[in-house]
Amino acid sequence: AIAAAMELVAQTHALIVDLRRNRGGSPNGVIFWTSYLFPDDQTLL
């Protein structure tokens, strides 16, 4: 689902991520989401 969402915004010029009603979840899910914003596997998050 995360990959599908990122595919739908992949060609945009800027991205707004709305977390105002986000109550949390899985650390590995956070890493999966935010990895899309970094070029490779060289960033310790």
ModelCIF file with pLDDT and N, C-alpha, C, O atoms, coordinates in Angstrom:
data_MODEL
#
_entry.id   MODEL 
#
_entity.id                         1 
_entity.type                       polymer 
_entity.pdbx_number_of_molecules   1 
#
_entity_poly.entity_id                      1 
_entity_poly.type                           'polypeptide(L)' 
_entity_poly.nstd_linkage                   no 
_entity_poly.nstd_monomer                   no 
_entity_poly.pdbx_seq_one_letter_code       AIAAAMELVAQTHALIVDLRRNRGGSPNGVIFWTSYLFPDDQTLL 
_entity_poly.pdbx_seq_one_letter_code_can   AIAAAMELVAQTHALIVDLRRNRGGSPNGVIFWTSYLFPDDQTLL 
_entity_poly.pdbx_strand_id                 A 
#
loop_
_entity_poly_seq.entity_id 
_entity_poly_seq.num 
_entity_poly_seq.mon_id 
_entity_poly_seq.hetero 
1 1  ALA n 
1 2  ILE n 
1 3  ALA n 
1 4  ALA n 
1 5  ALA n 
1 6  MET n 
1 7  GLU n 
1 8  LEU n 
1 9  VAL n 
1 10 ALA n 
1 11 GLN n 
1 12 THR n 
1 13 HIS n 
1 14 ALA n 
1 15 LEU n 
1 16 ILE n 
1 17 VAL n 
1 18 ASP n 
1 19 LEU n 
1 20 ARG n 
1 21 ARG n 
1 22 ASN n 
1 23 ARG n 
1 24 GLY n 
1 25 GLY n 
1 26 SER n 
1 27 PRO n 
1 28 ASN n 
1 29 GLY n 
1 30 VAL n 
1 31 ILE n 
1 32 PHE n 
1 33 TRP n 
1 34 THR n 
1 35 SER n 
1 36 TYR n 
1 37 LEU n 
1 38 PHE n 
1 39 PRO n 
1 40 ASP n 
1 41 ASP n 
1 42 GLN n 
1 43 THR n 
1 44 LEU n 
1 45 LEU n 
#
_struct_asym.id          A 
_struct_asym.entity_id   1 
#
loop_
_ma_qa_metric.id 
_ma_qa_metric.mode 
_ma_qa_metric.name 
_ma_qa_metric.software_group_id 
_ma_qa_metric.type 
1 global pLDDT . pLDDT 
2 local  pLDDT . pLDDT 
#
_ma_qa_metric_global.metric_id      1 
_ma_qa_metric_global.metric_value   97.60 
_ma_qa_metric_global.model_id       1 
_ma_qa_metric_global.ordinal_id     1 
#
loop_
_ma_qa_metric_local.label_asym_id 
_ma_qa_metric_local.label_comp_id 
_ma_qa_metric_local.label_seq_id 
_ma_qa_metric_local.metric_id 
_ma_qa_metric_local.metric_value 
_ma_qa_metric_local.model_id 
_ma_qa_metric_local.ordinal_id 
A ALA 1  2 98.00 1 1  
A ILE 2  2 98.00 1 2  
A ALA 3  2 98.00 1 3  
A ALA 4  2 98.00 1 4  
A ALA 5  2 98.00 1 5  
A MET 6  2 98.00 1 6  
A GLU 7  2 98.00 1 7  
A LEU 8  2 98.00 1 8  
A VAL 9  2 98.00 1 9  
A ALA 10 2 98.00 1 10 
A GLN 11 2 97.00 1 11 
A THR 12 2 98.00 1 12 
A HIS 13 2 97.00 1 13 
A ALA 14 2 98.00 1 14 
A LEU 15 2 98.00 1 15 
A ILE 16 2 99.00 1 16 
A VAL 17 2 98.00 1 17 
A ASP 18 2 98.00 1 18 
A LEU 19 2 98.00 1 19 
A ARG 20 2 98.00 1 20 
A ARG 21 2 98.00 1 21 
A ASN 22 2 98.00 1 22 
A ARG 23 2 94.00 1 23 
A GLY 24 2 95.00 1 24 
A GLY 25 2 94.00 1 25 
A SER 26 2 95.00 1 26 
A PRO 27 2 96.00 1 27 
A ASN 28 2 97.00 1 28 
A GLY 29 2 98.00 1 29 
A VAL 30 2 98.00 1 30 
A ILE 31 2 98.00 1 31 
A PHE 32 2 98.00 1 32 
A TRP 33 2 98.00 1 33 
A THR 34 2 98.00 1 34 
A SER 35 2 98.00 1 35 
A TYR 36 2 98.00 1 36 
A LEU 37 2 98.00 1 37 
A PHE 38 2 98.00 1 38 
A PRO 39 2 98.00 1 39 
A ASP 40 2 98.00 1 40 
A ASP 41 2 98.00 1 41 
A GLN 42 2 98.00 1 42 
A THR 43 2 98.00 1 43 
A LEU 44 2 98.00 1 44 
A LEU 45 2 98.00 1 45 
#
loop_
_atom_site.group_PDB 
_atom_site.id 
_atom_site.type_symbol 
_atom_site.label_atom_id 
_atom_site.label_alt_id 
_atom_site.label_comp_id 
_atom_site.label_asym_id 
_atom_site.label_entity_id 
_atom_site.label_seq_id 
_atom_site.pdbx_PDB_ins_code 
_atom_site.Cartn_x 
_atom_site.Cartn_y 
_atom_site.Cartn_z 
_atom_site.occupancy 
_atom_site.B_iso_or_equiv 
_atom_site.pdbx_formal_charge 
_atom_site.auth_seq_id 
_atom_site.auth_comp_id 
_atom_site.auth_asym_id 
_atom_site.auth_atom_id 
_atom_site.pdbx_PDB_model_num 
ATOM 1   N N  . ALA A 1 1  ? 0.830  -1.202 0.000   1.00 98.00 ? 1  ALA A N  1 
ATOM 2   C CA . ALA A 1 1  ? 0.000  0.000  0.000   1.00 98.00 ? 1  ALA A CA 1 
ATOM 3   C C  . ALA A 1 1  ? 0.865  1.253  0.000   1.00 98.00 ? 1  ALA A C  1 
ATOM 4   O O  . ALA A 1 1  ? 0.554  2.224  -0.689  1.00 98.00 ? 1  ALA A O  1 
ATOM 5   N N  . ILE A 1 2  ? 1.944  1.236  0.766   1.00 98.00 ? 2  ILE A N  1 
ATOM 6   C CA . ILE A 1 2  ? 2.863  2.379  0.796   1.00 98.00 ? 2  ILE A CA 1 
ATOM 7   C C  . ILE A 1 2  ? 3.467  2.603  -0.590  1.00 98.00 ? 2  ILE A C  1 
ATOM 8   O O  . ILE A 1 2  ? 3.513  3.734  -1.075  1.00 98.00 ? 2  ILE A O  1 
ATOM 9   N N  . ALA A 1 3  ? 3.929  1.524  -1.225  1.00 98.00 ? 3  ALA A N  1 
ATOM 10  C CA . ALA A 1 3  ? 4.519  1.641  -2.555  1.00 98.00 ? 3  ALA A CA 1 
ATOM 11  C C  . ALA A 1 3  ? 3.507  2.184  -3.559  1.00 98.00 ? 3  ALA A C  1 
ATOM 12  O O  . ALA A 1 3  ? 3.851  3.001  -4.413  1.00 98.00 ? 3  ALA A O  1 
ATOM 13  N N  . ALA A 1 4  ? 2.250  1.727  -3.455  1.00 98.00 ? 4  ALA A N  1 
ATOM 14  C CA . ALA A 1 4  ? 1.212  2.210  -4.369  1.00 98.00 ? 4  ALA A CA 1 
ATOM 15  C C  . ALA A 1 4  ? 0.957  3.701  -4.172  1.00 98.00 ? 4  ALA A C  1 
ATOM 16  O O  . ALA A 1 4  ? 0.797  4.444  -5.141  1.00 98.00 ? 4  ALA A O  1 
ATOM 17  N N  . ALA A 1 5  ? 0.919  4.135  -2.910  1.00 98.00 ? 5  ALA A N  1 
ATOM 18  C CA . ALA A 1 5  ? 0.710  5.560  -2.642  1.00 98.00 ? 5  ALA A CA 1 
ATOM 19  C C  . ALA A 1 5  ? 1.853  6.399  -3.200  1.00 98.00 ? 5  ALA A C  1 
ATOM 20  O O  . ALA A 1 5  ? 1.621  7.446  -3.803  1.00 98.00 ? 5  ALA A O  1 
ATOM 21  N N  . MET A 1 6  ? 3.079  5.941  -3.001  1.00 98.00 ? 6  MET A N  1 
ATOM 22  C CA . MET A 1 6  ? 4.231  6.697  -3.504  1.00 98.00 ? 6  MET A CA 1 
ATOM 23  C C  . MET A 1 6  ? 4.269  6.718  -5.031  1.00 98.00 ? 6  MET A C  1 
ATOM 24  O O  . MET A 1 6  ? 4.742  7.686  -5.627  1.00 98.00 ? 6  MET A O  1 
ATOM 25  N N  . GLU A 1 7  ? 3.780  5.667  -5.660  1.00 98.00 ? 7  GLU A N  1 
ATOM 26  C CA . GLU A 1 7  ? 3.704  5.660  -7.125  1.00 98.00 ? 7  GLU A CA 1 
ATOM 27  C C  . GLU A 1 7  ? 2.773  6.756  -7.630  1.00 98.00 ? 7  GLU A C  1 
ATOM 28  O O  . GLU A 1 7  ? 3.030  7.376  -8.662  1.00 98.00 ? 7  GLU A O  1 
ATOM 29  N N  . LEU A 1 8  ? 1.684  6.991  -6.890  1.00 98.00 ? 8  LEU A N  1 
ATOM 30  C CA . LEU A 1 8  ? 0.700  7.983  -7.327  1.00 98.00 ? 8  LEU A CA 1 
ATOM 31  C C  . LEU A 1 8  ? 1.189  9.423  -7.174  1.00 98.00 ? 8  LEU A C  1 
ATOM 32  O O  . LEU A 1 8  ? 0.659  10.324 -7.824  1.00 98.00 ? 8  LEU A O  1 
ATOM 33  N N  . VAL A 1 9  ? 2.182  9.651  -6.332  1.00 98.00 ? 9  VAL A N  1 
ATOM 34  C CA . VAL A 1 9  ? 2.710  11.019 -6.177  1.00 98.00 ? 9  VAL A CA 1 
ATOM 35  C C  . VAL A 1 9  ? 4.115  11.159 -6.765  1.00 98.00 ? 9  VAL A C  1 
ATOM 36  O O  . VAL A 1 9  ? 4.750  12.203 -6.615  1.00 98.00 ? 9  VAL A O  1 
ATOM 37  N N  . ALA A 1 10 ? 4.598  10.118 -7.429  1.00 98.00 ? 10 ALA A N  1 
ATOM 38  C CA . ALA A 1 10 ? 5.998  10.082 -7.861  1.00 98.00 ? 10 ALA A CA 1 
ATOM 39  C C  . ALA A 1 10 ? 6.368  11.195 -8.829  1.00 98.00 ? 10 ALA A C  1 
ATOM 40  O O  . ALA A 1 10 ? 7.527  11.609 -8.863  1.00 98.00 ? 10 ALA A O  1 
ATOM 41  N N  . GLN A 1 11 ? 5.421  11.692 -9.615  1.00 97.00 ? 11 GLN A N  1 
ATOM 42  C CA . GLN A 1 11 ? 5.739  12.684 -10.644 1.00 97.00 ? 11 GLN A CA 1 
ATOM 43  C C  . GLN A 1 11 ? 5.407  14.116 -10.219 1.00 97.00 ? 11 GLN A C  1 
ATOM 44  O O  . GLN A 1 11 ? 5.436  15.028 -11.045 1.00 97.00 ? 11 GLN A O  1 
ATOM 45  N N  . THR A 1 12 ? 5.098  14.315 -8.956  1.00 98.00 ? 12 THR A N  1 
ATOM 46  C CA . THR A 1 12 ? 4.747  15.660 -8.504  1.00 98.00 ? 12 THR A CA 1 
ATOM 47  C C  . THR A 1 12 ? 5.996  16.495 -8.232  1.00 98.00 ? 12 THR A C  1 
ATOM 48  O O  . THR A 1 12 ? 7.100  15.964 -8.118  1.00 98.00 ? 12 THR A O  1 
ATOM 49  N N  . HIS A 1 13 ? 5.804  17.801 -8.133  1.00 97.00 ? 13 HIS A N  1 
ATOM 50  C CA . HIS A 1 13 ? 6.914  18.728 -7.930  1.00 97.00 ? 13 HIS A CA 1 
ATOM 51  C C  . HIS A 1 13 ? 7.230  18.989 -6.460  1.00 97.00 ? 13 HIS A C  1 
ATOM 52  O O  . HIS A 1 13 ? 8.318  19.466 -6.136  1.00 97.00 ? 13 HIS A O  1 
ATOM 53  N N  . ALA A 1 14 ? 6.309  18.688 -5.589  1.00 98.00 ? 14 ALA A N  1 
ATOM 54  C CA . ALA A 1 14 ? 6.519  18.817 -4.141  1.00 98.00 ? 14 ALA A CA 1 
ATOM 55  C C  . ALA A 1 14 ? 5.516  17.901 -3.463  1.00 98.00 ? 14 ALA A C  1 
ATOM 56  O O  . ALA A 1 14 ? 4.502  17.528 -4.052  1.00 98.00 ? 14 ALA A O  1 
ATOM 57  N N  . LEU A 1 15 ? 5.812  17.540 -2.209  1.00 98.00 ? 15 LEU A N  1 
ATOM 58  C CA . LEU A 1 15 ? 4.988  16.560 -1.511  1.00 98.00 ? 15 LEU A CA 1 
ATOM 59  C C  . LEU A 1 15 ? 4.601  17.076 -0.133  1.00 98.00 ? 15 LEU A C  1 
ATOM 60  O O  . LEU A 1 15 ? 5.447  17.529 0.639   1.00 98.00 ? 15 LEU A O  1 
ATOM 61  N N  . ILE A 1 16 ? 3.304  16.999 0.161   1.00 99.00 ? 16 ILE A N  1 
ATOM 62  C CA . ILE A 1 16 ? 2.790  17.322 1.485   1.00 99.00 ? 16 ILE A CA 1 
ATOM 63  C C  . ILE A 1 16 ? 2.391  16.011 2.161   1.00 99.00 ? 16 ILE A C  1 
ATOM 64  O O  . ILE A 1 16 ? 1.600  15.241 1.615   1.00 99.00 ? 16 ILE A O  1 
ATOM 65  N N  . VAL A 1 17 ? 2.945  15.759 3.359   1.00 98.00 ? 17 VAL A N  1 
ATOM 66  C CA . VAL A 1 17 ? 2.598  14.573 4.138   1.00 98.00 ? 17 VAL A CA 1 
ATOM 67  C C  . VAL A 1 17 ? 1.879  15.043 5.391   1.00 98.00 ? 17 VAL A C  1 
ATOM 68  O O  . VAL A 1 17 ? 2.466  15.710 6.243   1.00 98.00 ? 17 VAL A O  1 
ATOM 69  N N  . ASP A 1 18 ? 0.621  14.695 5.495   1.00 98.00 ? 18 ASP A N  1 
ATOM 70  C CA . ASP A 1 18 ? -0.225 15.168 6.597   1.00 98.00 ? 18 ASP A CA 1 
ATOM 71  C C  . ASP A 1 18 ? -0.227 14.138 7.724   1.00 98.00 ? 18 ASP A C  1 
ATOM 72  O O  . ASP A 1 18 ? -0.811 13.062 7.590   1.00 98.00 ? 18 ASP A O  1 
ATOM 73  N N  . LEU A 1 19 ? 0.428  14.473 8.833   1.00 98.00 ? 19 LEU A N  1 
ATOM 74  C CA . LEU A 1 19 ? 0.488  13.601 10.002  1.00 98.00 ? 19 LEU A CA 1 
ATOM 75  C C  . LEU A 1 19 ? -0.259 14.187 11.195  1.00 98.00 ? 19 LEU A C  1 
ATOM 76  O O  . LEU A 1 19 ? -0.030 13.777 12.332  1.00 98.00 ? 19 LEU A O  1 
ATOM 77  N N  . ARG A 1 20 ? -1.139 15.131 10.945  1.00 98.00 ? 20 ARG A N  1 
ATOM 78  C CA . ARG A 1 20 ? -1.808 15.819 12.045  1.00 98.00 ? 20 ARG A CA 1 
ATOM 79  C C  . ARG A 1 20 ? -2.706 14.890 12.859  1.00 98.00 ? 20 ARG A C  1 
ATOM 80  O O  . ARG A 1 20 ? -2.964 15.158 14.032  1.00 98.00 ? 20 ARG A O  1 
ATOM 81  N N  . ARG A 1 21 ? -3.184 13.803 12.254  1.00 98.00 ? 21 ARG A N  1 
ATOM 82  C CA . ARG A 1 21 ? -4.039 12.852 12.972  1.00 98.00 ? 21 ARG A CA 1 
ATOM 83  C C  . ARG A 1 21 ? -3.367 11.486 13.066  1.00 98.00 ? 21 ARG A C  1 
ATOM 84  O O  . ARG A 1 21 ? -4.041 10.469 13.228  1.00 98.00 ? 21 ARG A O  1 
ATOM 85  N N  . ASN A 1 22 ? -2.061 11.462 12.966  1.00 98.00 ? 22 ASN A N  1 
ATOM 86  C CA . ASN A 1 22 ? -1.339 10.190 13.019  1.00 98.00 ? 22 ASN A CA 1 
ATOM 87  C C  . ASN A 1 22 ? -0.975 9.858  14.460  1.00 98.00 ? 22 ASN A C  1 
ATOM 88  O O  . ASN A 1 22 ? -0.321 10.646 15.143  1.00 98.00 ? 22 ASN A O  1 
ATOM 89  N N  . ARG A 1 23 ? -1.408 8.674  14.917  1.00 94.00 ? 23 ARG A N  1 
ATOM 90  C CA . ARG A 1 23 ? -1.185 8.288  16.309  1.00 94.00 ? 23 ARG A CA 1 
ATOM 91  C C  . ARG A 1 23 ? -0.083 7.245  16.467  1.00 94.00 ? 23 ARG A C  1 
ATOM 92  O O  . ARG A 1 23 ? 0.103  6.710  17.560  1.00 94.00 ? 23 ARG A O  1 
ATOM 93  N N  . GLY A 1 24 ? 0.655  6.947  15.390  1.00 95.00 ? 24 GLY A N  1 
ATOM 94  C CA . GLY A 1 24 ? 1.812  6.083  15.549  1.00 95.00 ? 24 GLY A CA 1 
ATOM 95  C C  . GLY A 1 24 ? 1.712  4.789  14.774  1.00 95.00 ? 24 GLY A C  1 
ATOM 96  O O  . GLY A 1 24 ? 0.881  4.635  13.880  1.00 95.00 ? 24 GLY A O  1 
ATOM 97  N N  . GLY A 1 25 ? 2.592  3.851  15.145  1.00 94.00 ? 25 GLY A N  1 
ATOM 98  C CA . GLY A 1 25 ? 2.631  2.566  14.461  1.00 94.00 ? 25 GLY A CA 1 
ATOM 99  C C  . GLY A 1 25 ? 4.001  1.921  14.543  1.00 94.00 ? 25 GLY A C  1 
ATOM 100 O O  . GLY A 1 25 ? 4.681  2.004  15.566  1.00 94.00 ? 25 GLY A O  1 
ATOM 101 N N  . SER A 1 26 ? 4.395  1.284  13.466  1.00 95.00 ? 26 SER A N  1 
ATOM 102 C CA . SER A 1 26 ? 5.577  0.427  13.453  1.00 95.00 ? 26 SER A CA 1 
ATOM 103 C C  . SER A 1 26 ? 6.845  1.178  13.054  1.00 95.00 ? 26 SER A C  1 
ATOM 104 O O  . SER A 1 26 ? 6.830  1.930  12.079  1.00 95.00 ? 26 SER A O  1 
ATOM 105 N N  . PRO A 1 27 ? 7.948  0.987  13.793  1.00 96.00 ? 27 PRO A N  1 
ATOM 106 C CA . PRO A 1 27 ? 9.221  1.607  13.387  1.00 96.00 ? 27 PRO A CA 1 
ATOM 107 C C  . PRO A 1 27 ? 9.675  1.189  11.991  1.00 96.00 ? 27 PRO A C  1 
ATOM 108 O O  . PRO A 1 27 ? 10.195 2.016  11.242  1.00 96.00 ? 27 PRO A O  1 
ATOM 109 N N  . ASN A 1 28 ? 9.485  -0.090 11.626  1.00 97.00 ? 28 ASN A N  1 
ATOM 110 C CA . ASN A 1 28 ? 9.937  -0.475 10.291  1.00 97.00 ? 28 ASN A CA 1 
ATOM 111 C C  . ASN A 1 28 ? 9.047  0.113  9.204   1.00 97.00 ? 28 ASN A C  1 
ATOM 112 O O  . ASN A 1 28 ? 9.486  0.276  8.066   1.00 97.00 ? 28 ASN A O  1 
ATOM 113 N N  . GLY A 1 29 ? 7.792  0.435  9.544   1.00 98.00 ? 29 GLY A N  1 
ATOM 114 C CA . GLY A 1 29 ? 6.944  1.147  8.602   1.00 98.00 ? 29 GLY A CA 1 
ATOM 115 C C  . GLY A 1 29 ? 7.411  2.570  8.376   1.00 98.00 ? 29 GLY A C  1 
ATOM 116 O O  . GLY A 1 29 ? 7.376  3.072  7.253   1.00 98.00 ? 29 GLY A O  1 
ATOM 117 N N  . VAL A 1 30 ? 7.854  3.230  9.458   1.00 98.00 ? 30 VAL A N  1 
ATOM 118 C CA . VAL A 1 30 ? 8.424  4.574  9.323   1.00 98.00 ? 30 VAL A CA 1 
ATOM 119 C C  . VAL A 1 30 ? 9.629  4.541  8.381   1.00 98.00 ? 30 VAL A C  1 
ATOM 120 O O  . VAL A 1 30 ? 9.763  5.400  7.508   1.00 98.00 ? 30 VAL A O  1 
ATOM 121 N N  . ILE A 1 31 ? 10.492 3.562  8.557   1.00 98.00 ? 31 ILE A N  1 
ATOM 122 C CA . ILE A 1 31 ? 11.686 3.458  7.720   1.00 98.00 ? 31 ILE A CA 1 
ATOM 123 C C  . ILE A 1 31 ? 11.309 3.202  6.267   1.00 98.00 ? 31 ILE A C  1 
ATOM 124 O O  . ILE A 1 31 ? 11.919 3.762  5.356   1.00 98.00 ? 31 ILE A O  1 
ATOM 125 N N  . PHE A 1 32 ? 10.301 2.355  6.049   1.00 98.00 ? 32 PHE A N  1 
ATOM 126 C CA . PHE A 1 32 ? 9.868  2.085  4.675   1.00 98.00 ? 32 PHE A CA 1 
ATOM 127 C C  . PHE A 1 32 ? 9.363  3.356  4.006   1.00 98.00 ? 32 PHE A C  1 
ATOM 128 O O  . PHE A 1 32 ? 9.763  3.675  2.886   1.00 98.00 ? 32 PHE A O  1 
ATOM 129 N N  . TRP A 1 33 ? 8.486  4.079  4.690   1.00 98.00 ? 33 TRP A N  1 
ATOM 130 C CA . TRP A 1 33 ? 7.976  5.340  4.141   1.00 98.00 ? 33 TRP A CA 1 
ATOM 131 C C  . TRP A 1 33 ? 9.114  6.313  3.840   1.00 98.00 ? 33 TRP A C  1 
ATOM 132 O O  . TRP A 1 33 ? 9.226  6.817  2.722   1.00 98.00 ? 33 TRP A O  1 
ATOM 133 N N  . THR A 1 34 ? 9.949  6.571  4.829   1.00 98.00 ? 34 THR A N  1 
ATOM 134 C CA . THR A 1 34 ? 10.935 7.648  4.685   1.00 98.00 ? 34 THR A CA 1 
ATOM 135 C C  . THR A 1 34 ? 12.099 7.258  3.791   1.00 98.00 ? 34 THR A C  1 
ATOM 136 O O  . THR A 1 34 ? 12.810 8.138  3.307   1.00 98.00 ? 34 THR A O  1 
ATOM 137 N N  . SER A 1 35 ? 12.320 5.974  3.555   1.00 98.00 ? 35 SER A N  1 
ATOM 138 C CA . SER A 1 35 ? 13.389 5.564  2.634   1.00 98.00 ? 35 SER A CA 1 
ATOM 139 C C  . SER A 1 35 ? 13.145 6.090  1.224   1.00 98.00 ? 35 SER A C  1 
ATOM 140 O O  . SER A 1 35 ? 14.094 6.275  0.462   1.00 98.00 ? 35 SER A O  1 
ATOM 141 N N  . TYR A 1 36 ? 11.887 6.331  0.869   1.00 98.00 ? 36 TYR A N  1 
ATOM 142 C CA . TYR A 1 36 ? 11.595 6.881  -0.446  1.00 98.00 ? 36 TYR A CA 1 
ATOM 143 C C  . TYR A 1 36 ? 12.179 8.281  -0.625  1.00 98.00 ? 36 TYR A C  1 
ATOM 144 O O  . TYR A 1 36 ? 12.311 8.763  -1.750  1.00 98.00 ? 36 TYR A O  1 
ATOM 145 N N  . LEU A 1 37 ? 12.524 8.922  0.472   1.00 98.00 ? 37 LEU A N  1 
ATOM 146 C CA . LEU A 1 37 ? 13.002 10.310 0.413   1.00 98.00 ? 37 LEU A CA 1 
ATOM 147 C C  . LEU A 1 37 ? 14.524 10.404 0.434   1.00 98.00 ? 37 LEU A C  1 
ATOM 148 O O  . LEU A 1 37 ? 15.073 11.506 0.458   1.00 98.00 ? 37 LEU A O  1 
ATOM 149 N N  . PHE A 1 38 ? 15.215 9.260  0.426   1.00 98.00 ? 38 PHE A N  1 
ATOM 150 C CA . PHE A 1 38 ? 16.680 9.229  0.447   1.00 98.00 ? 38 PHE A CA 1 
ATOM 151 C C  . PHE A 1 38 ? 17.187 8.373  -0.716  1.00 98.00 ? 38 PHE A C  1 
ATOM 152 O O  . PHE A 1 38 ? 16.496 7.448  -1.143  1.00 98.00 ? 38 PHE A O  1 
ATOM 153 N N  . PRO A 1 39 ? 18.378 8.664  -1.231  1.00 98.00 ? 39 PRO A N  1 
ATOM 154 C CA . PRO A 1 39 ? 18.810 8.054  -2.494  1.00 98.00 ? 39 PRO A CA 1 
ATOM 155 C C  . PRO A 1 39 ? 19.258 6.612  -2.430  1.00 98.00 ? 39 PRO A C  1 
ATOM 156 O O  . PRO A 1 39 ? 19.253 5.922  -3.450  1.00 98.00 ? 39 PRO A O  1 
ATOM 157 N N  . ASP A 1 40 ? 19.649 6.132  -1.243  1.00 98.00 ? 40 ASP A N  1 
ATOM 158 C CA . ASP A 1 40 ? 20.244 4.802  -1.162  1.00 98.00 ? 40 ASP A CA 1 
ATOM 159 C C  . ASP A 1 40 ? 20.139 4.284  0.270   1.00 98.00 ? 40 ASP A C  1 
ATOM 160 O O  . ASP A 1 40 ? 19.324 4.761  1.060   1.00 98.00 ? 40 ASP A O  1 
ATOM 161 N N  . ASP A 1 41 ? 20.979 3.297  0.588   1.00 98.00 ? 41 ASP A N  1 
ATOM 162 C CA . ASP A 1 41 ? 20.925 2.692  1.927   1.00 98.00 ? 41 ASP A CA 1 
ATOM 163 C C  . ASP A 1 41 ? 22.006 3.230  2.860   1.00 98.00 ? 41 ASP A C  1 
ATOM 164 O O  . ASP A 1 41 ? 22.434 2.537  3.782   1.00 98.00 ? 41 ASP A O  1 
ATOM 165 N N  . GLN A 1 42 ? 22.442 4.450  2.625   1.00 98.00 ? 42 GLN A N  1 
ATOM 166 C CA . GLN A 1 42 ? 23.568 5.007  3.378   1.00 98.00 ? 42 GLN A CA 1 
ATOM 167 C C  . GLN A 1 42 ? 23.167 5.996  4.460   1.00 98.00 ? 42 GLN A C  1 
ATOM 168 O O  . GLN A 1 42 ? 24.026 6.696  4.997   1.00 98.00 ? 42 GLN A O  1 
ATOM 169 N N  . THR A 1 43 ? 21.871 6.070  4.795   1.00 98.00 ? 43 THR A N  1 
ATOM 170 C CA . THR A 1 43 ? 21.411 7.023  5.812   1.00 98.00 ? 43 THR A CA 1 
ATOM 171 C C  . THR A 1 43 ? 20.884 6.277  7.031   1.00 98.00 ? 43 THR A C  1 
ATOM 172 O O  . THR A 1 43 ? 19.888 5.559  6.950   1.00 98.00 ? 43 THR A O  1 
ATOM 173 N N  . LEU A 1 44 ? 21.562 6.454  8.159   1.00 98.00 ? 44 LEU A N  1 
ATOM 174 C CA . LEU A 1 44 ? 21.082 5.908  9.429   1.00 98.00 ? 44 LEU A CA 1 
ATOM 175 C C  . LEU A 1 44 ? 19.996 6.838  9.952   1.00 98.00 ? 44 LEU A C  1 
ATOM 176 O O  . LEU A 1 44 ? 20.271 7.990  10.288  1.00 98.00 ? 44 LEU A O  1 
ATOM 177 N N  . LEU A 1 45 ? 18.766 6.345  10.020  1.00 98.00 ? 45 LEU A N  1 
ATOM 178 C CA . LEU A 1 45 ? 17.627 7.191  10.352  1.00 98.00 ? 45 LEU A CA 1 
ATOM 179 C C  . LEU A 1 45 ? 17.284 7.174  11.839  1.00 98.00 ? 45 LEU A C  1 
ATOM 180 O O  . LEU A 1 45 ? 16.342 7.844  12.263  1.00 98.00 ? 45 LEU A O  1 
#
